[in-house]
Amino acid sequence: MAVARVNGTSLTYTDQGTGDPVILVMGTGGPGHIWHLHQVPALLAAGFRVITFDNRGLSPSPGPPPEIDDLVGDLAGLAETLCGGRSRFVGVSMGAHVVQELMLRRPELVEAAVLMATRGRPDHFRARLAEAEAELNFGPVELPVAYGAALRAVLSLSPHTLNDESNARHWLDLFELFPTSKAVMCAQSRLEIIDNRLDDYRTIEGRCLVVAFEDDLVTPPHLGQEVATAIAGAGYAQVAKCGHYGYLEQPDEVNSLIVDFLSPTGESRPS
């Protein structure tokens, strides 16, 4: 991985391919290499240049807990440094929120955007969940690894995945083997606490597609639909039988949506 110095911080990144650039923005606590499981190969095969990176707060870019403005500035700086400006973007969860804010503040940098598992406002349950997770992450309690893996699975995966014995075993083993570090969650968890931004998003004019995951407990489809409704001309698509990690649970369908939309002939899908 290479290192870029942007917006007063250092970000590790990968840069592959030679076509039109696509920058992939991961969610809370997720390293950029997660995209390499499914999305990077699909985009490379479609002829795109693909850039992934670790958001501020992941090693080796430590420091005080970032604000959303920091991440938006980082993304803008990365696009300007590596791509000379205008790019295509794909964001998931917190990463989608960052891309939405980039579209609002630096529209000249955004050729098109895919916003997955996103929202534009808090609701009572998600706000309480974000506050509770932040309290846990900043407190002295360490969850047992097995329990942390089970909790992560319930919040992030579809019942269709968890009710399949082989899939459930695979995911639980993976989550136990690679738990998200408490230090990373301390750095990024409060970014899940957002203000109501829907009125601001009504001023966005860029081309984008909102993708929701049918069984997502963290950002359910109706919150994504609100973002698609707020952004004039935005398309909306919903992927069945997947949760918050829908891009990993149903990668073929998700990749098809991303590639079709970001291709030069791609068009916004009807809401």
Protein backbone atom coordinates (compact mmCIF):
# COMPACT_ATOMS: atom_id res chain seq x y z
CA MET A 1 0.00 0.00 0.00
CA ALA A 2 1.08 3.56 -0.71
CA VAL A 3 0.70 6.59 1.55
CA ALA A 4 -0.80 9.95 0.56
CA ARG A 5 -0.38 13.09 2.63
CA VAL A 6 -3.66 15.01 2.36
CA ASN A 7 -5.64 17.40 4.54
CA GLY A 8 -3.03 17.32 7.29
CA THR A 9 -2.99 13.53 7.69
CA SER A 10 -1.49 10.43 6.07
CA LEU A 11 -3.80 7.90 4.41
CA THR A 12 -2.78 4.47 3.18
CA TYR A 13 -4.29 3.59 -0.17
CA THR A 14 -4.22 1.20 -3.11
CA ASP A 15 -4.53 2.32 -6.74
CA GLN A 16 -5.18 -0.24 -9.51
CA GLY A 17 -6.29 -0.07 -13.12
CA THR A 18 -6.07 2.62 -15.78
CA GLY A 19 -9.63 3.66 -16.63
CA ASP A 20 -11.89 6.33 -15.17
CA PRO A 21 -11.19 6.56 -11.42
CA VAL A 22 -13.57 5.18 -8.78
CA ILE A 23 -12.81 5.87 -5.11
CA LEU A 24 -14.35 3.43 -2.61
CA VAL A 25 -15.15 4.76 0.88
CA MET A 26 -15.59 2.24 3.71
CA GLY A 27 -17.83 2.53 6.77
CA THR A 28 -17.09 2.78 10.49
CA GLY A 29 -14.15 0.66 11.63
CA GLY A 30 -13.67 -0.96 8.22
CA PRO A 31 -10.31 -0.99 6.44
CA GLY A 32 -10.22 -0.28 2.74
CA HIS A 33 -9.03 -3.78 1.87
CA ILE A 34 -12.55 -5.14 2.52
CA TRP A 35 -13.50 -3.76 -0.90
CA HIS A 36 -10.93 -6.07 -2.48
CA LEU A 37 -13.00 -9.17 -1.74
CA HIS A 38 -15.68 -8.40 -4.32
CA GLN A 39 -16.03 -4.81 -5.51
CA VAL A 40 -12.47 -4.10 -6.66
CA PRO A 41 -12.26 -7.16 -8.97
CA ALA A 42 -15.65 -6.32 -10.51
CA LEU A 43 -14.73 -2.69 -11.15
CA LEU A 44 -11.33 -3.59 -12.57
CA ALA A 45 -12.96 -6.12 -14.89
CA ALA A 46 -15.31 -3.35 -16.05
CA GLY A 47 -12.32 -1.19 -17.01
CA PHE A 48 -12.21 1.28 -14.14
CA ARG A 49 -9.25 2.54 -12.18
CA VAL A 50 -10.04 1.66 -8.55
CA ILE A 51 -8.75 3.42 -5.42
CA THR A 52 -9.32 2.15 -1.88
CA PHE A 53 -8.02 3.69 1.33
CA ASP A 54 -8.17 3.55 5.12
CA ASN A 55 -10.24 6.34 6.64
CA ARG A 56 -8.66 8.57 9.24
CA GLY A 57 -8.68 6.81 12.60
CA LEU A 58 -7.30 3.52 11.26
CA SER A 59 -3.59 2.79 11.73
CA PRO A 60 -1.19 4.17 10.61
CA SER A 61 -3.12 7.46 10.69
CA PRO A 62 -3.76 7.83 14.43
CA GLY A 63 -4.74 11.03 16.16
CA PRO A 64 -7.71 12.61 17.90
CA PRO A 65 -11.15 11.24 17.00
CA PRO A 66 -12.04 12.74 13.61
CA GLU A 67 -15.11 14.79 12.81
CA ILE A 68 -17.11 14.24 9.64
CA ASP A 69 -15.54 17.43 8.24
CA ASP A 70 -12.12 15.79 8.57
CA LEU A 71 -13.20 12.77 6.53
CA VAL A 72 -14.82 14.91 3.85
CA GLY A 73 -11.62 16.96 3.59
CA ASP A 74 -9.55 13.78 3.41
CA LEU A 75 -11.69 12.42 0.58
CA ALA A 76 -11.53 15.69 -1.34
CA GLY A 77 -7.76 15.81 -0.89
CA LEU A 78 -7.38 12.22 -2.05
CA ALA A 79 -9.43 12.87 -5.20
CA GLU A 80 -7.43 15.99 -6.00
CA THR A 81 -4.05 14.39 -5.28
CA LEU A 82 -4.55 11.04 -7.00
CA CYS A 83 -7.10 11.86 -9.68
CA GLY A 84 -6.58 15.54 -10.36
CA GLY A 85 -10.14 16.27 -9.23
CA ARG A 86 -13.38 14.83 -10.61
CA SER A 87 -14.00 11.14 -9.81
CA ARG A 88 -16.67 8.53 -9.27
CA PHE A 89 -17.36 7.45 -5.67
CA VAL A 90 -18.87 4.47 -3.89
CA GLY A 91 -19.55 4.74 -0.17
CA VAL A 92 -21.17 2.41 2.35
CA SER A 93 -22.72 3.39 5.69
CA MET A 94 -20.49 6.09 7.24
CA GLY A 95 -18.59 6.15 3.94
CA ALA A 96 -21.82 6.98 2.10
CA HIS A 97 -22.43 9.82 4.55
CA VAL A 98 -18.97 11.18 3.74
CA VAL A 99 -19.67 11.01 0.01
CA GLN A 100 -23.04 12.75 0.48
CA GLU A 101 -21.33 15.58 2.31
CA LEU A 102 -18.68 15.78 -0.43
CA MET A 103 -21.44 16.09 -3.04
CA LEU A 104 -22.91 18.94 -1.02
CA ARG A 105 -19.67 20.82 -0.32
CA ARG A 106 -17.45 19.99 -3.31
CA PRO A 107 -19.83 19.05 -6.15
CA GLU A 108 -17.17 19.78 -8.76
CA LEU A 109 -15.27 16.68 -7.57
CA VAL A 110 -18.13 14.20 -8.03
CA GLU A 111 -18.83 12.70 -11.44
CA ALA A 112 -21.27 10.15 -10.00
CA ALA A 113 -21.85 8.42 -6.66
CA VAL A 114 -23.28 5.16 -5.35
CA LEU A 115 -24.52 5.48 -1.76
CA MET A 116 -25.07 2.15 -0.01
CA ALA A 117 -26.72 1.51 3.37
CA THR A 118 -27.10 5.22 3.98
CA ARG A 119 -29.33 7.69 5.80
CA GLY A 120 -29.76 11.43 6.03
CA ARG A 121 -31.13 11.84 9.54
CA PRO A 122 -31.07 10.20 12.94
CA ASP A 123 -34.02 8.22 14.23
CA HIS A 124 -34.57 7.30 17.84
CA PHE A 125 -33.34 3.71 17.72
CA ARG A 126 -30.20 4.37 15.63
CA ALA A 127 -29.31 7.44 17.69
CA ARG A 128 -29.61 5.42 20.92
CA LEU A 129 -27.62 2.58 19.39
CA ALA A 130 -24.82 4.93 18.30
CA GLU A 131 -24.68 6.55 21.75
CA ALA A 132 -24.64 3.14 23.46
CA GLU A 133 -21.85 1.86 21.21
CA ALA A 134 -19.81 4.99 21.84
CA GLU A 135 -20.28 4.56 25.60
CA LEU A 136 -19.14 0.95 25.34
CA ASN A 137 -16.15 1.78 23.16
CA PHE A 138 -14.93 4.57 25.41
CA GLY A 139 -15.57 2.62 28.62
CA PRO A 140 -13.49 0.00 30.44
CA VAL A 141 -15.60 -3.02 29.44
CA GLU A 142 -14.19 -5.48 26.91
CA LEU A 143 -16.79 -7.77 25.35
CA PRO A 144 -15.83 -11.45 25.07
CA VAL A 145 -14.67 -12.09 21.52
CA ALA A 146 -17.35 -14.71 20.83
CA TYR A 147 -20.14 -12.46 22.09
CA GLY A 148 -18.80 -9.50 20.12
CA ALA A 149 -18.79 -11.66 16.99
CA ALA A 150 -22.37 -12.82 17.59
CA LEU A 151 -23.57 -9.25 18.20
CA ARG A 152 -21.83 -8.02 15.06
CA ALA A 153 -23.45 -10.82 13.06
CA VAL A 154 -26.95 -10.02 14.33
CA LEU A 155 -26.57 -6.32 13.54
CA SER A 156 -24.80 -6.69 10.20
CA LEU A 157 -26.14 -9.80 8.46
CA SER A 158 -29.47 -10.96 7.11
CA PRO A 159 -31.51 -13.69 8.83
CA HIS A 160 -31.22 -15.54 5.51
CA THR A 161 -27.47 -15.69 6.10
CA LEU A 162 -27.64 -16.52 9.80
CA ASN A 163 -30.24 -19.25 9.31
CA ASP A 164 -27.92 -21.08 6.92
CA GLU A 165 -25.69 -23.30 9.07
CA SER A 166 -22.65 -23.13 6.82
CA ASN A 167 -22.87 -19.37 6.27
CA ALA A 168 -23.44 -18.65 9.95
CA ARG A 169 -20.42 -20.72 10.94
CA HIS A 170 -18.26 -19.00 8.31
CA TRP A 171 -19.21 -15.48 9.36
CA LEU A 172 -18.94 -16.11 13.11
CA ASP A 173 -15.52 -17.68 12.66
CA LEU A 174 -14.43 -14.71 10.55
CA PHE A 175 -15.69 -12.15 13.07
CA GLU A 176 -13.96 -13.96 15.93
CA LEU A 177 -10.72 -14.19 13.98
CA PHE A 178 -10.78 -10.52 12.92
CA PRO A 179 -12.57 -8.50 15.63
CA THR A 180 -12.73 -4.75 15.14
CA SER A 181 -10.24 -3.17 17.53
CA LYS A 182 -11.55 -1.02 20.34
CA ALA A 183 -9.02 1.69 19.47
CA VAL A 184 -10.43 1.97 15.96
CA MET A 185 -14.01 2.08 17.21
CA CYS A 186 -13.06 4.80 19.71
CA ALA A 187 -11.65 6.82 16.83
CA GLN A 188 -14.70 6.48 14.59
CA SER A 189 -17.79 5.43 16.56
CA ARG A 190 -19.11 8.93 17.27
CA LEU A 191 -19.25 9.56 13.52
CA GLU A 192 -22.41 7.43 13.56
CA ILE A 193 -24.17 10.20 15.52
CA ILE A 194 -25.48 12.46 12.75
CA ASP A 195 -27.73 15.50 12.42
CA ASN A 196 -30.74 15.73 10.14
CA ARG A 197 -29.21 16.61 6.75
CA LEU A 198 -32.15 15.89 4.44
CA ASP A 199 -33.04 19.55 3.80
CA ASP A 200 -29.41 20.25 2.87
CA TYR A 201 -29.34 17.24 0.56
CA ARG A 202 -32.23 18.71 -1.42
CA THR A 203 -29.71 21.16 -2.87
CA ILE A 204 -27.50 18.37 -4.28
CA GLU A 205 -27.66 18.11 -8.07
CA GLY A 206 -25.07 15.41 -8.76
CA ARG A 207 -25.88 12.05 -10.32
CA CYS A 208 -26.22 9.31 -7.72
CA LEU A 209 -27.77 5.94 -6.93
CA VAL A 210 -28.89 4.96 -3.44
CA VAL A 211 -28.67 1.22 -2.72
CA ALA A 212 -30.46 -0.19 0.33
CA PHE A 213 -30.26 -3.69 1.78
CA GLU A 214 -33.60 -5.33 2.58
CA ASP A 215 -32.74 -6.73 6.04
CA ASP A 216 -30.45 -3.90 7.20
CA LEU A 217 -31.07 -3.17 10.91
CA VAL A 218 -28.45 -0.41 11.13
CA THR A 219 -29.68 1.66 8.17
CA PRO A 220 -33.01 0.21 7.06
CA PRO A 221 -34.27 0.81 3.52
CA HIS A 222 -36.77 3.53 4.43
CA LEU A 223 -33.92 5.78 5.62
CA GLY A 224 -32.08 5.24 2.33
CA GLN A 225 -35.27 6.01 0.41
CA GLU A 226 -35.42 9.35 2.20
CA VAL A 227 -31.96 10.23 0.89
CA ALA A 228 -32.92 9.20 -2.64
CA THR A 229 -36.06 11.34 -2.42
CA ALA A 230 -34.14 14.35 -1.09
CA ILE A 231 -31.51 14.34 -3.86
CA ALA A 232 -33.16 15.47 -7.08
CA GLY A 233 -32.93 12.81 -9.78
CA ALA A 234 -31.32 10.19 -7.56
CA GLY A 235 -32.01 6.57 -8.34
CA TYR A 236 -32.94 3.94 -5.79
CA ALA A 237 -32.40 0.18 -5.71
CA GLN A 238 -33.01 -2.39 -2.98
CA VAL A 239 -31.15 -5.69 -2.68
CA ALA A 240 -32.98 -8.64 -1.12
CA LYS A 241 -31.77 -11.20 1.44
CA CYS A 242 -28.94 -9.13 2.90
CA GLY A 243 -28.24 -6.92 5.89
CA HIS A 244 -25.86 -4.04 6.56
CA TYR A 245 -23.06 -6.03 4.93
CA GLY A 246 -25.10 -6.51 1.77
CA TYR A 247 -22.12 -5.72 -0.46
CA LEU A 248 -20.49 -8.86 1.02
CA GLU A 249 -23.61 -11.03 1.32
CA GLN A 250 -24.96 -10.37 -2.19
CA PRO A 251 -21.87 -9.14 -4.05
CA ASP A 252 -22.93 -10.13 -7.56
CA GLU A 253 -26.14 -8.10 -7.50
CA VAL A 254 -24.48 -5.17 -5.72
CA ASN A 255 -21.55 -5.17 -8.15
CA SER A 256 -23.92 -5.21 -11.10
CA LEU A 257 -25.73 -2.15 -9.75
CA ILE A 258 -22.46 -0.31 -9.13
CA VAL A 259 -20.86 -1.10 -12.49
CA ASP A 260 -24.00 -0.42 -14.51
CA PHE A 261 -24.54 2.95 -12.84
CA LEU A 262 -20.95 4.16 -12.93
CA SER A 263 -20.34 3.16 -16.54
CA PRO A 264 -20.41 6.11 -18.97
CA THR A 265 -23.78 4.99 -20.34
CA GLY A 266 -25.23 4.36 -16.87
CA GLU A 267 -28.41 6.17 -15.95
CA SER A 268 -30.20 6.85 -12.68
CA ARG A 269 -32.59 4.07 -11.89
CA PRO A 270 -36.18 5.04 -11.16
CA SER A 271 -37.19 5.41 -7.50
